[in-house]
Amino acid sequence: MTEHEAAWPPEDIELALDHDSDIDSDSEEIYDAKGNLITEEYVRDAISDVHRAIDEGRVPVPTGRPGRPSLTGEGTHSPRVSFRVPEELRERAKARAEQEGKSVSALAREAFEQFLRAG
């Protein structure tokens, strides 16, 4: 297995019970959804499984900004434009987008481009 240089666990993952937990980890047994007793060995094995899945490419590891692919170009952020519309217009846009097999966002982008070209 490849050694990971980043700290484990990542900052956004909590692997320990905090002091506010309803579970008394010294006296209560904790089980996973399949009924397996969760022990320190279980947690170590789970962490090893995650590392192995990352190393084998079975788990995507975020490398940049979260979200959809950039429309501007790889490695760059696509700016967002948002505006409010009446419910009836939104429903019409949803129906048209569905009819054309695209998202409302793609439909709006195309309409915005056409409007600006007509300028």
PDB file of N, CA and C in Angstrom:
ATOM      1  N   MET A   1       0.846  -1.178   0.000  1.00  0.00           N
ATOM      2  CA  MET A   1       0.000   0.000   0.000  1.00  0.00           C
ATOM      3  C   MET A   1       0.890   1.239   0.000  1.00  0.00           C
ATOM      4  N   THR A   2       0.469   2.230  -0.756  1.00  0.00           N
ATOM      5  CA  THR A   2       1.202   3.485  -0.839  1.00  0.00           C
ATOM      6  C   THR A   2       0.999   4.285   0.433  1.00  0.00           C
ATOM      7  N   GLU A   3       2.064   4.894   0.931  1.00  0.00           N
ATOM      8  CA  GLU A   3       1.950   5.755   2.102  1.00  0.00           C
ATOM      9  C   GLU A   3       1.331   7.082   1.672  1.00  0.00           C
ATOM     10  N   HIS A   4       0.397   7.588   2.441  1.00  0.00           N
ATOM     11  CA  HIS A   4      -0.233   8.873   2.157  1.00  0.00           C
ATOM     12  C   HIS A   4       0.493   9.948   2.941  1.00  0.00           C
ATOM     13  N   GLU A   5       0.825  11.033   2.255  1.00  0.00           N
ATOM     14  CA  GLU A   5       1.558  12.100   2.911  1.00  0.00           C
ATOM     15  C   GLU A   5       0.651  13.026   3.703  1.00  0.00           C
ATOM     16  N   ALA A   6      -0.611  13.111   3.311  1.00  0.00           N
ATOM     17  CA  ALA A   6      -1.540  13.983   4.027  1.00  0.00           C
ATOM     18  C   ALA A   6      -1.904  13.344   5.370  1.00  0.00           C
ATOM     19  N   ALA A   7      -2.276  14.180   6.317  1.00  0.00           N
ATOM     20  CA  ALA A   7      -2.672  13.678   7.633  1.00  0.00           C
ATOM     21  C   ALA A   7      -3.939  12.837   7.513  1.00  0.00           C
ATOM     22  N   TRP A   8      -4.009  11.785   8.295  1.00  0.00           N
ATOM     23  CA  TRP A   8      -5.204  10.941   8.310  1.00  0.00           C
ATOM     24  C   TRP A   8      -5.748  10.919   9.712  1.00  0.00           C
ATOM     25  N   PRO A   9      -7.005  11.029   9.962  1.00  0.00           N
ATOM     26  CA  PRO A   9      -8.051  11.252   8.953  1.00  0.00           C
ATOM     27  C   PRO A   9      -8.068  12.703   8.496  1.00  0.00           C
ATOM     28  N   PRO A  10      -8.662  12.958   7.322  1.00  0.00           N
ATOM     29  CA  PRO A  10      -8.807  14.351   6.890  1.00  0.00           C
ATOM     30  C   PRO A  10      -9.568  15.140   7.950  1.00  0.00           C
ATOM     31  N   GLU A  11      -9.360  16.446   7.961  1.00  0.00           N
ATOM     32  CA  GLU A  11      -9.961  17.290   8.993  1.00  0.00           C
ATOM     33  C   GLU A  11     -11.474  17.200   9.046  1.00  0.00           C
ATOM     34  N   ASP A  12     -12.127  16.877   7.899  1.00  0.00           N
ATOM     35  CA  ASP A  12     -13.586  16.866   7.878  1.00  0.00           C
ATOM     36  C   ASP A  12     -14.183  15.511   8.254  1.00  0.00           C
ATOM     37  N   ILE A  13     -13.352  14.573   8.715  1.00  0.00           N
ATOM     38  CA  ILE A  13     -13.855  13.262   9.128  1.00  0.00           C
ATOM     39  C   ILE A  13     -13.559  13.065  10.606  1.00  0.00           C
ATOM     40  N   GLU A  14     -14.575  12.715  11.356  1.00  0.00           N
ATOM     41  CA  GLU A  14     -14.446  12.476  12.795  1.00  0.00           C
ATOM     42  C   GLU A  14     -14.523  10.976  13.018  1.00  0.00           C
ATOM     43  N   LEU A  15     -13.480  10.373  13.590  1.00  0.00           N
ATOM     44  CA  LEU A  15     -13.465   8.939  13.821  1.00  0.00           C
ATOM     45  C   LEU A  15     -13.676   8.568  15.286  1.00  0.00           C
ATOM     46  N   ALA A  16     -13.744   9.545  16.148  1.00  0.00           N
ATOM     47  CA  ALA A  16     -13.893   9.259  17.579  1.00  0.00           C
ATOM     48  C   ALA A  16     -15.195   9.833  18.109  1.00  0.00           C
ATOM     49  N   LEU A  17     -15.681   9.249  19.187  1.00  0.00           N
ATOM     50  CA  LEU A  17     -16.858   9.786  19.848  1.00  0.00           C
ATOM     51  C   LEU A  17     -16.470  11.047  20.600  1.00  0.00           C
ATOM     52  N   ASP A  18     -17.320  12.049  20.548  1.00  0.00           N
ATOM     53  CA  ASP A  18     -17.008  13.259  21.302  1.00  0.00           C
ATOM     54  C   ASP A  18     -17.674  13.200  22.671  1.00  0.00           C
ATOM     55  N   HIS A  19     -17.378  14.159  23.524  1.00  0.00           N
ATOM     56  CA  HIS A  19     -17.896  14.134  24.893  1.00  0.00           C
ATOM     57  C   HIS A  19     -19.405  14.355  24.963  1.00  0.00           C
ATOM     58  N   ASP A  20     -20.036  14.829  23.862  1.00  0.00           N
ATOM     59  CA  ASP A  20     -21.482  15.046  23.855  1.00  0.00           C
ATOM     60  C   ASP A  20     -22.260  13.817  23.397  1.00  0.00           C
ATOM     61  N   SER A  21     -21.548  12.762  23.035  1.00  0.00           N
ATOM     62  CA  SER A  21     -22.194  11.577  22.492  1.00  0.00           C
ATOM     63  C   SER A  21     -23.066  10.900  23.555  1.00  0.00           C
ATOM     64  N   ASP A  22     -24.153  10.277  23.092  1.00  0.00           N
ATOM     65  CA  ASP A  22     -25.025   9.528  23.995  1.00  0.00           C
ATOM     66  C   ASP A  22     -24.468   8.141  24.298  1.00  0.00           C
ATOM     67  N   ILE A  23     -23.412   7.756  23.612  1.00  0.00           N
ATOM     68  CA  ILE A  23     -22.854   6.419  23.788  1.00  0.00           C
ATOM     69  C   ILE A  23     -21.692   6.481  24.770  1.00  0.00           C
ATOM     70  N   ASP A  24     -21.751   5.642  25.775  1.00  0.00           N
ATOM     71  CA  ASP A  24     -20.649   5.524  26.723  1.00  0.00           C
ATOM     72  C   ASP A  24     -19.718   4.457  26.164  1.00  0.00           C
ATOM     73  N   SER A  25     -18.638   4.882  25.506  1.00  0.00           N
ATOM     74  CA  SER A  25     -17.770   3.946  24.791  1.00  0.00           C
ATOM     75  C   SER A  25     -17.071   2.963  25.731  1.00  0.00           C
ATOM     76  N   ASP A  26     -17.044   3.241  27.036  1.00  0.00           N
ATOM     77  CA  ASP A  26     -16.406   2.318  27.968  1.00  0.00           C
ATOM     78  C   ASP A  26     -17.334   1.181  28.380  1.00  0.00           C
ATOM     79  N   SER A  27     -18.648   1.382  28.280  1.00  0.00           N
ATOM     80  CA  SER A  27     -19.537   0.351  28.785  1.00  0.00           C
ATOM     81  C   SER A  27     -20.535  -0.177  27.753  1.00  0.00           C
ATOM     82  N   GLU A  28     -20.759   0.518  26.659  1.00  0.00           N
ATOM     83  CA  GLU A  28     -21.716   0.051  25.669  1.00  0.00           C
ATOM     84  C   GLU A  28     -21.005  -0.468  24.437  1.00  0.00           C
ATOM     85  N   GLU A  29     -21.560  -1.523  23.856  1.00  0.00           N
ATOM     86  CA  GLU A  29     -21.005  -2.046  22.620  1.00  0.00           C
ATOM     87  C   GLU A  29     -21.677  -1.324  21.460  1.00  0.00           C
ATOM     88  N   ILE A  30     -20.911  -1.048  20.422  1.00  0.00           N
ATOM     89  CA  ILE A  30     -21.421  -0.340  19.258  1.00  0.00           C
ATOM     90  C   ILE A  30     -21.314  -1.282  18.073  1.00  0.00           C
ATOM     91  N   TYR A  31     -22.390  -1.340  17.277  1.00  0.00           N
ATOM     92  CA  TYR A  31     -22.442  -2.235  16.126  1.00  0.00           C
ATOM     93  C   TYR A  31     -22.683  -1.437  14.853  1.00  0.00           C
ATOM     94  N   ASP A  32     -22.164  -1.962  13.733  1.00  0.00           N
ATOM     95  CA  ASP A  32     -22.425  -1.318  12.450  1.00  0.00           C
ATOM     96  C   ASP A  32     -23.782  -1.771  11.919  1.00  0.00           C
ATOM     97  N   ALA A  33     -24.154  -1.309  10.737  1.00  0.00           N
ATOM     98  CA  ALA A  33     -25.467  -1.615  10.159  1.00  0.00           C
ATOM     99  C   ALA A  33     -25.657  -3.104   9.880  1.00  0.00           C
ATOM    100  N   LYS A  34     -24.552  -3.847   9.758  1.00  0.00           N
ATOM    101  CA  LYS A  34     -24.645  -5.287   9.495  1.00  0.00           C
ATOM    102  C   LYS A  34     -24.575  -6.113  10.772  1.00  0.00           C
ATOM    103  N   GLY A  35     -24.506  -5.438  11.918  1.00  0.00           N
ATOM    104  CA  GLY A  35     -24.478  -6.147  13.191  1.00  0.00           C
ATOM    105  C   GLY A  35     -23.092  -6.522  13.681  1.00  0.00           C
ATOM    106  N   ASN A  36     -22.046  -6.029  13.023  1.00  0.00           N
ATOM    107  CA  ASN A  36     -20.675  -6.311  13.456  1.00  0.00           C
ATOM    108  C   ASN A  36     -20.286  -5.386  14.603  1.00  0.00           C
ATOM    109  N   LEU A  37     -19.663  -5.948  15.619  1.00  0.00           N
ATOM    110  CA  LEU A  37     -19.189  -5.170  16.754  1.00  0.00           C
ATOM    111  C   LEU A  37     -18.065  -4.249  16.295  1.00  0.00           C
ATOM    112  N   ILE A  38     -18.167  -2.969  16.611  1.00  0.00           N
ATOM    113  CA  ILE A  38     -17.130  -2.013  16.237  1.00  0.00           C
ATOM    114  C   ILE A  38     -16.106  -1.941  17.357  1.00  0.00           C
ATOM    115  N   THR A  39     -14.898  -2.357  17.019  1.00  0.00           N
ATOM    116  CA  THR A  39     -13.777  -2.354  17.957  1.00  0.00           C
ATOM    117  C   THR A  39     -12.671  -1.481  17.364  1.00  0.00           C
ATOM    118  N   GLU A  40     -11.596  -1.295  18.114  1.00  0.00           N
ATOM    119  CA  GLU A  40     -10.458  -0.547  17.572  1.00  0.00           C
ATOM    120  C   GLU A  40      -9.886  -1.256  16.351  1.00  0.00           C
ATOM    121  N   GLU A  41      -9.852  -2.587  16.391  1.00  0.00           N
ATOM    122  CA  GLU A  41      -9.359  -3.352  15.235  1.00  0.00           C
ATOM    123  C   GLU A  41     -10.271  -3.135  14.031  1.00  0.00           C
ATOM    124  N   TYR A  42     -11.585  -3.124  14.259  1.00  0.00           N
ATOM    125  CA  TYR A  42     -12.562  -2.869  13.191  1.00  0.00           C
ATOM    126  C   TYR A  42     -12.279  -1.511  12.542  1.00  0.00           C
ATOM    127  N   VAL A  43     -12.042  -0.482  13.352  1.00  0.00           N
ATOM    128  CA  VAL A  43     -11.772   0.861  12.834  1.00  0.00           C
ATOM    129  C   VAL A  43     -10.458   0.873  12.061  1.00  0.00           C
ATOM    130  N   ARG A  44      -9.415   0.237  12.604  1.00  0.00           N
ATOM    131  CA  ARG A  44      -8.125   0.168  11.891  1.00  0.00           C
ATOM    132  C   ARG A  44      -8.292  -0.519  10.541  1.00  0.00           C
ATOM    133  N   ASP A  45      -9.050  -1.628  10.521  1.00  0.00           N
ATOM    134  CA  ASP A  45      -9.290  -2.345   9.265  1.00  0.00           C
ATOM    135  C   ASP A  45     -10.085  -1.482   8.281  1.00  0.00           C
ATOM    136  N   ALA A  46     -11.058  -0.744   8.788  1.00  0.00           N
ATOM    137  CA  ALA A  46     -11.853   0.125   7.923  1.00  0.00           C
ATOM    138  C   ALA A  46     -10.985   1.206   7.295  1.00  0.00           C
ATOM    139  N   ILE A  47     -10.109   1.786   8.090  1.00  0.00           N
ATOM    140  CA  ILE A  47      -9.201   2.822   7.579  1.00  0.00           C
ATOM    141  C   ILE A  47      -8.266   2.210   6.537  1.00  0.00           C
ATOM    142  N   SER A  48      -7.762   1.021   6.790  1.00  0.00           N
ATOM    143  CA  SER A  48      -6.900   0.343   5.816  1.00  0.00           C
ATOM    144  C   SER A  48      -7.654   0.080   4.521  1.00  0.00           C
ATOM    145  N   ASP A  49      -8.926  -0.325   4.644  1.00  0.00           N
ATOM    146  CA  ASP A  49      -9.744  -0.567   3.451  1.00  0.00           C
ATOM    147  C   ASP A  49      -9.917   0.709   2.637  1.00  0.00           C
ATOM    148  N   VAL A  50     -10.119   1.835   3.305  1.00  0.00           N
ATOM    149  CA  VAL A  50     -10.262   3.112   2.603  1.00  0.00           C
ATOM    150  C   VAL A  50      -8.964   3.468   1.889  1.00  0.00           C
ATOM    151  N   HIS A  51      -7.830   3.321   2.574  1.00  0.00           N
ATOM    152  CA  HIS A  51      -6.532   3.598   1.953  1.00  0.00           C
ATOM    153  C   HIS A  51      -6.325   2.715   0.722  1.00  0.00           C
ATOM    154  N   ARG A  52      -6.656   1.427   0.855  1.00  0.00           N
ATOM    155  CA  ARG A  52      -6.493   0.486  -0.251  1.00  0.00           C
ATOM    156  C   ARG A  52      -7.390   0.883  -1.420  1.00  0.00           C
ATOM    157  N   ALA A  53      -8.628   1.255  -1.147  1.00  0.00           N
ATOM    158  CA  ALA A  53      -9.565   1.667  -2.207  1.00  0.00           C
ATOM    159  C   ALA A  53      -9.058   2.922  -2.915  1.00  0.00           C
ATOM    160  N   ILE A  54      -8.485   3.857  -2.160  1.00  0.00           N
ATOM    161  CA  ILE A  54      -7.908   5.067  -2.766  1.00  0.00           C
ATOM    162  C   ILE A  54      -6.732   4.681  -3.647  1.00  0.00           C
ATOM    163  N   ASP A  55      -5.839   3.842  -3.127  1.00  0.00           N
ATOM    164  CA  ASP A  55      -4.651   3.424  -3.876  1.00  0.00           C
ATOM    165  C   ASP A  55      -5.024   2.689  -5.161  1.00  0.00           C
ATOM    166  N   GLU A  56      -6.103   1.910  -5.127  1.00  0.00           N
ATOM    167  CA  GLU A  56      -6.529   1.138  -6.292  1.00  0.00           C
ATOM    168  C   GLU A  56      -7.419   1.956  -7.225  1.00  0.00           C
ATOM    169  N   GLY A  57      -7.695   3.207  -6.853  1.00  0.00           N
ATOM    170  CA  GLY A  57      -8.507   4.069  -7.701  1.00  0.00           C
ATOM    171  C   GLY A  57      -9.996   3.771  -7.650  1.00  0.00           C
ATOM    172  N   ARG A  58     -10.442   3.017  -6.648  1.00  0.00           N
ATOM    173  CA  ARG A  58     -11.867   2.693  -6.530  1.00  0.00           C
ATOM    174  C   ARG A  58     -12.658   3.780  -5.832  1.00  0.00           C
ATOM    175  N   VAL A  59     -11.967   4.713  -5.197  1.00  0.00           N
ATOM    176  CA  VAL A  59     -12.615   5.819  -4.495  1.00  0.00           C
ATOM    177  C   VAL A  59     -12.070   7.116  -5.073  1.00  0.00           C
ATOM    178  N   PRO A  60     -12.946   7.961  -5.634  1.00  0.00           N
ATOM    179  CA  PRO A  60     -12.437   9.217  -6.171  1.00  0.00           C
ATOM    180  C   PRO A  60     -11.947  10.121  -5.048  1.00  0.00           C
ATOM    181  N   VAL A  61     -10.800  10.724  -5.266  1.00  0.00           N
ATOM    182  CA  VAL A  61     -10.220  11.636  -4.290  1.00  0.00           C
ATOM    183  C   VAL A  61     -10.269  13.032  -4.893  1.00  0.00           C
ATOM    184  N   PRO A  62     -10.986  13.956  -4.259  1.00  0.00           N
ATOM    185  CA  PRO A  62     -11.066  15.302  -4.816  1.00  0.00           C
ATOM    186  C   PRO A  62      -9.685  15.934  -4.921  1.00  0.00           C
ATOM    187  N   THR A  63      -9.415  16.510  -6.081  1.00  0.00           N
ATOM    188  CA  THR A  63      -8.112  17.138  -6.285  1.00  0.00           C
ATOM    189  C   THR A  63      -8.227  18.637  -6.500  1.00  0.00           C
ATOM    190  N   GLY A  64      -9.422  19.134  -6.691  1.00  0.00           N
ATOM    191  CA  GLY A  64      -9.603  20.561  -6.926  1.00  0.00           C
ATOM    192  C   GLY A  64     -10.878  21.031  -6.272  1.00  0.00           C
ATOM    193  N   ARG A  65     -11.489  21.994  -6.895  1.00  0.00           N
ATOM    194  CA  ARG A  65     -12.747  22.517  -6.382  1.00  0.00           C
ATOM    195  C   ARG A  65     -13.847  21.483  -6.530  1.00  0.00           C
ATOM    196  N   PRO A  66     -14.735  21.396  -5.549  1.00  0.00           N
ATOM    197  CA  PRO A  66     -15.854  20.487  -5.699  1.00  0.00           C
ATOM    198  C   PRO A  66     -16.845  21.039  -6.714  1.00  0.00           C
ATOM    199  N   GLY A  67     -17.659  20.180  -7.244  1.00  0.00           N
ATOM    200  CA  GLY A  67     -18.701  20.635  -8.153  1.00  0.00           C
ATOM    201  C   GLY A  67     -18.544  20.084  -9.549  1.00  0.00           C
ATOM    202  N   ARG A  68     -19.264  20.683 -10.440  1.00  0.00           N
ATOM    203  CA  ARG A  68     -19.312  20.218 -11.815  1.00  0.00           C
ATOM    204  C   ARG A  68     -18.053  20.624 -12.569  1.00  0.00           C
ATOM    205  N   PRO A  69     -17.818  19.972 -13.736  1.00  0.00           N
ATOM    206  CA  PRO A  69     -16.650  20.337 -14.535  1.00  0.00           C
ATOM    207  C   PRO A  69     -16.720  21.794 -14.993  1.00  0.00           C
ATOM    208  N   SER A  70     -15.576  22.394 -15.135  1.00  0.00           N
ATOM    209  CA  SER A  70     -15.499  23.788 -15.545  1.00  0.00           C
ATOM    210  C   SER A  70     -15.968  23.960 -16.984  1.00  0.00           C
ATOM    211  N   LEU A  71     -16.701  25.036 -17.239  1.00  0.00           N
ATOM    212  CA  LEU A  71     -17.085  25.399 -18.603  1.00  0.00           C
ATOM    213  C   LEU A  71     -16.031  26.321 -19.206  1.00  0.00           C
ATOM    214  N   THR A  72     -15.187  26.899 -18.373  1.00  0.00           N
ATOM    215  CA  THR A  72     -14.178  27.860 -18.801  1.00  0.00           C
ATOM    216  C   THR A  72     -12.932  27.160 -19.311  1.00  0.00           C
ATOM    217  N   GLY A  73     -12.567  26.090 -18.708  1.00  0.00           N
ATOM    218  CA  GLY A  73     -11.377  25.346 -19.093  1.00  0.00           C
ATOM    219  C   GLY A  73     -10.876  24.564 -17.903  1.00  0.00           C
ATOM    220  N   GLU A  74     -10.165  23.483 -18.169  1.00  0.00           N
ATOM    221  CA  GLU A  74      -9.693  22.617 -17.087  1.00  0.00           C
ATOM    222  C   GLU A  74      -8.852  23.399 -16.082  1.00  0.00           C
ATOM    223  N   GLY A  75      -9.129  23.174 -14.824  1.00  0.00           N
ATOM    224  CA  GLY A  75      -8.379  23.821 -13.759  1.00  0.00           C
ATOM    225  C   GLY A  75      -8.828  25.236 -13.445  1.00  0.00           C
ATOM    226  N   THR A  76      -9.882  25.682 -14.091  1.00  0.00           N
ATOM    227  CA  THR A  76     -10.393  27.024 -13.817  1.00  0.00           C
ATOM    228  C   THR A  76     -11.835  26.942 -13.351  1.00  0.00           C
ATOM    229  N   HIS A  77     -12.251  27.943 -12.651  1.00  0.00           N
ATOM    230  CA  HIS A  77     -13.600  28.010 -12.102  1.00  0.00           C
ATOM    231  C   HIS A  77     -14.522  28.710 -13.091  1.00  0.00           C
ATOM    232  N   SER A  78     -15.690  28.138 -13.339  1.00  0.00           N
ATOM    233  CA  SER A  78     -16.685  28.801 -14.182  1.00  0.00           C
ATOM    234  C   SER A  78     -17.523  29.713 -13.301  1.00  0.00           C
ATOM    235  N   PRO A  79     -17.578  31.000 -13.643  1.00  0.00           N
ATOM    236  CA  PRO A  79     -18.395  31.908 -12.827  1.00  0.00           C
ATOM    237  C   PRO A  79     -19.869  31.530 -12.914  1.00  0.00           C
ATOM    238  N   ARG A  80     -20.610  31.904 -11.898  1.00  0.00           N
ATOM    239  CA  ARG A  80     -22.029  31.585 -11.824  1.00  0.00           C
ATOM    240  C   ARG A  80     -22.833  32.869 -11.956  1.00  0.00           C
ATOM    241  N   VAL A  81     -23.913  32.793 -12.740  1.00  0.00           N
ATOM    242  CA  VAL A  81     -24.871  33.887 -12.866  1.00  0.00           C
ATOM    243  C   VAL A  81     -26.211  33.341 -12.411  1.00  0.00           C
ATOM    244  N   SER A  82     -26.853  34.021 -11.491  1.00  0.00           N
ATOM    245  CA  SER A  82     -28.156  33.540 -11.038  1.00  0.00           C
ATOM    246  C   SER A  82     -29.142  34.697 -11.004  1.00  0.00           C
ATOM    247  N   PHE A  83     -30.407  34.361 -11.218  1.00  0.00           N
ATOM    248  CA  PHE A  83     -31.452  35.368 -11.151  1.00  0.00           C
ATOM    249  C   PHE A  83     -32.768  34.676 -10.826  1.00  0.00           C
ATOM    250  N   ARG A  84     -33.694  35.449 -10.341  1.00  0.00           N
ATOM    251  CA  ARG A  84     -34.990  34.923  -9.928  1.00  0.00           C
ATOM    252  C   ARG A  84     -35.991  35.037 -11.065  1.00  0.00           C
ATOM    253  N   VAL A  85     -36.892  34.072 -11.155  1.00  0.00           N
ATOM    254  CA  VAL A  85     -37.949  34.075 -12.170  1.00  0.00           C
ATOM    255  C   VAL A  85     -39.263  33.670 -11.523  1.00  0.00           C
ATOM    256  N   PRO A  86     -40.387  34.020 -12.160  1.00  0.00           N
ATOM    257  CA  PRO A  86     -41.675  33.559 -11.645  1.00  0.00           C
ATOM    258  C   PRO A  86     -41.783  32.030 -11.771  1.00  0.00           C
ATOM    259  N   GLU A  87     -42.555  31.416 -10.898  1.00  0.00           N
ATOM    260  CA  GLU A  87     -42.723  29.960 -10.887  1.00  0.00           C
ATOM    261  C   GLU A  87     -43.149  29.435 -12.263  1.00  0.00           C
ATOM    262  N   GLU A  88     -44.062  30.131 -12.905  1.00  0.00           N
ATOM    263  CA  GLU A  88     -44.574  29.678 -14.209  1.00  0.00           C
ATOM    264  C   GLU A  88     -43.451  29.618 -15.241  1.00  0.00           C
ATOM    265  N   LEU A  89     -42.558  30.599 -15.240  1.00  0.00           N
ATOM    266  CA  LEU A  89     -41.433  30.608 -16.177  1.00  0.00           C
ATOM    267  C   LEU A  89     -40.466  29.471 -15.862  1.00  0.00           C
ATOM    268  N   ARG A  90     -40.241  29.214 -14.607  1.00  0.00           N
ATOM    269  CA  ARG A  90     -39.363  28.099 -14.218  1.00  0.00           C
ATOM    270  C   ARG A  90     -39.943  26.772 -14.684  1.00  0.00           C
ATOM    271  N   GLU A  91     -41.241  26.596 -14.524  1.00  0.00           N
ATOM    272  CA  GLU A  91     -41.888  25.351 -14.955  1.00  0.00           C
ATOM    273  C   GLU A  91     -41.805  25.187 -16.471  1.00  0.00           C
ATOM    274  N   ARG A  92     -41.991  26.277 -17.203  1.00  0.00           N
ATOM    275  CA  ARG A  92     -41.867  26.223 -18.661  1.00  0.00           C
ATOM    276  C   ARG A  92     -40.439  25.863 -19.064  1.00  0.00           C
ATOM    277  N   ALA A  93     -39.468  26.439 -18.367  1.00  0.00           N
ATOM    278  CA  ALA A  93     -38.060  26.141 -18.659  1.00  0.00           C
ATOM    279  C   ALA A  93     -37.746  24.676 -18.363  1.00  0.00           C
ATOM    280  N   LYS A  94     -38.256  24.162 -17.253  1.00  0.00           N
ATOM    281  CA  LYS A  94     -38.040  22.754 -16.912  1.00  0.00           C
ATOM    282  C   LYS A  94     -38.623  21.842 -17.982  1.00  0.00           C
ATOM    283  N   ALA A  95     -39.850  22.156 -18.435  1.00  0.00           N
ATOM    284  CA  ALA A  95     -40.513  21.334 -19.451  1.00  0.00           C
ATOM    285  C   ALA A  95     -39.726  21.376 -20.765  1.00  0.00           C
ATOM    286  N   ARG A  96     -39.289  22.557 -21.173  1.00  0.00           N
ATOM    287  CA  ARG A  96     -38.539  22.701 -22.426  1.00  0.00           C
ATOM    288  C   ARG A  96     -37.194  21.983 -22.333  1.00  0.00           C
ATOM    289  N   ALA A  97     -36.509  22.135 -21.217  1.00  0.00           N
ATOM    290  CA  ALA A  97     -35.217  21.471 -21.031  1.00  0.00           C
ATOM    291  C   ALA A  97     -35.388  19.958 -21.095  1.00  0.00           C
ATOM    292  N   GLU A  98     -36.413  19.459 -20.441  1.00  0.00           N
ATOM    293  CA  GLU A  98     -36.683  18.023 -20.452  1.00  0.00           C
ATOM    294  C   GLU A  98     -36.984  17.548 -21.868  1.00  0.00           C
ATOM    295  N   GLN A  99     -37.771  18.326 -22.590  1.00  0.00           N
ATOM    296  CA  GLN A  99     -38.132  18.004 -23.967  1.00  0.00           C
ATOM    297  C   GLN A  99     -36.876  17.930 -24.856  1.00  0.00           C
ATOM    298  N   GLU A 100     -35.915  18.807 -24.592  1.00  0.00           N
ATOM    299  CA  GLU A 100     -34.689  18.845 -25.391  1.00  0.00           C
ATOM    300  C   GLU A 100     -33.579  17.962 -24.825  1.00  0.00           C
ATOM    301  N   GLY A 101     -33.851  17.299 -23.690  1.00  0.00           N
ATOM    302  CA  GLY A 101     -32.874  16.386 -23.100  1.00  0.00           C
ATOM    303  C   GLY A 101     -31.667  17.085 -22.505  1.00  0.00           C
ATOM    304  N   LYS A 102     -31.898  18.238 -21.891  1.00  0.00           N
ATOM    305  CA  LYS A 102     -30.807  18.981 -21.263  1.00  0.00           C
ATOM    306  C   LYS A 102     -31.262  19.546 -19.942  1.00  0.00           C
ATOM    307  N   SER A 103     -30.353  20.125 -19.216  1.00  0.00           N
ATOM    308  CA  SER A 103     -30.688  20.725 -17.928  1.00  0.00           C
ATOM    309  C   SER A 103     -31.230  22.134 -18.140  1.00  0.00           C
ATOM    310  N   VAL A 104     -31.933  22.650 -17.136  1.00  0.00           N
ATOM    311  CA  VAL A 104     -32.407  24.036 -17.187  1.00  0.00           C
ATOM    312  C   VAL A 104     -31.209  24.974 -17.286  1.00  0.00           C
ATOM    313  N   SER A 105     -30.123  24.629 -16.614  1.00  0.00           N
ATOM    314  CA  SER A 105     -28.916  25.442 -16.660  1.00  0.00           C
ATOM    315  C   SER A 105     -28.375  25.531 -18.089  1.00  0.00           C
ATOM    316  N   ALA A 106     -28.303  24.400 -18.781  1.00  0.00           N
ATOM    317  CA  ALA A 106     -27.815  24.399 -20.165  1.00  0.00           C
ATOM    318  C   ALA A 106     -28.754  25.197 -21.061  1.00  0.00           C
ATOM    319  N   LEU A 107     -30.057  25.035 -20.865  1.00  0.00           N
ATOM    320  CA  LEU A 107     -31.042  25.787 -21.648  1.00  0.00           C
ATOM    321  C   LEU A 107     -30.871  27.291 -21.424  1.00  0.00           C
ATOM    322  N   ALA A 108     -30.720  27.701 -20.172  1.00  0.00           N
ATOM    323  CA  ALA A 108     -30.556  29.114 -19.841  1.00  0.00           C
ATOM    324  C   ALA A 108     -29.258  29.664 -20.415  1.00  0.00           C
ATOM    325  N   ARG A 109     -28.180  28.865 -20.350  1.00  0.00           N
ATOM    326  CA  ARG A 109     -26.896  29.289 -20.901  1.00  0.00           C
ATOM    327  C   ARG A 109     -27.016  29.556 -22.403  1.00  0.00           C
ATOM    328  N   GLU A 110     -27.680  28.633 -23.121  1.00  0.00           N
ATOM    329  CA  GLU A 110     -27.862  28.800 -24.565  1.00  0.00           C
ATOM    330  C   GLU A 110     -28.701  30.041 -24.875  1.00  0.00           C
ATOM    331  N   ALA A 111     -29.783  30.238 -24.128  1.00  0.00           N
ATOM    332  CA  ALA A 111     -30.642  31.404 -24.363  1.00  0.00           C
ATOM    333  C   ALA A 111     -29.890  32.703 -24.083  1.00  0.00           C
ATOM    334  N   PHE A 112     -29.083  32.698 -23.034  1.00  0.00           N
ATOM    335  CA  PHE A 112     -28.301  33.892 -22.671  1.00  0.00           C
ATOM    336  C   PHE A 112     -27.285  34.205 -23.780  1.00  0.00           C
ATOM    337  N   GLU A 113     -26.626  33.172 -24.293  1.00  0.00           N
ATOM    338  CA  GLU A 113     -25.662  33.361 -25.386  1.00  0.00           C
ATOM    339  C   GLU A 113     -26.350  33.928 -26.626  1.00  0.00           C
ATOM    340  N   GLN A 114     -27.510  33.364 -26.973  1.00  0.00           N
ATOM    341  CA  GLN A 114     -28.241  33.846 -28.156  1.00  0.00           C
ATOM    342  C   GLN A 114     -28.647  35.313 -27.969  1.00  0.00           C
ATOM    343  N   PHE A 115     -29.132  35.660 -26.797  1.00  0.00           N
ATOM    344  CA  PHE A 115     -29.545  37.029 -26.518  1.00  0.00           C
ATOM    345  C   PHE A 115     -28.357  37.994 -26.660  1.00  0.00           C
ATOM    346  N   LEU A 116     -27.219  37.625 -26.106  1.00  0.00           N
ATOM    347  CA  LEU A 116     -26.050  38.500 -26.169  1.00  0.00           C
ATOM    348  C   LEU A 116     -25.480  38.619 -27.590  1.00  0.00           C
ATOM    349  N   ARG A 117     -25.546  37.522 -28.365  1.00  0.00           N
ATOM    350  CA  ARG A 117     -25.097  37.584 -29.752  1.00  0.00           C
ATOM    351  C   ARG A 117     -25.979  38.505 -30.594  1.00  0.00           C
ATOM    352  N   ALA A 118     -27.287  38.479 -30.293  1.00  0.00           N
ATOM    353  CA  ALA A 118     -28.234  39.294 -31.055  1.00  0.00           C
ATOM    354  C   ALA A 118     -28.057  40.787 -30.759  1.00  0.00           C
ATOM    355  N   GLY A 119     -27.464  41.078 -29.607  1.00  0.00           N
ATOM    356  CA  GLY A 119     -27.160  42.367 -29.043  1.00  0.00           C
ATOM    357  C   GLY A 119     -27.481  43.551 -29.789  1.00  0.00           C
TER     358      GLY A 119
END
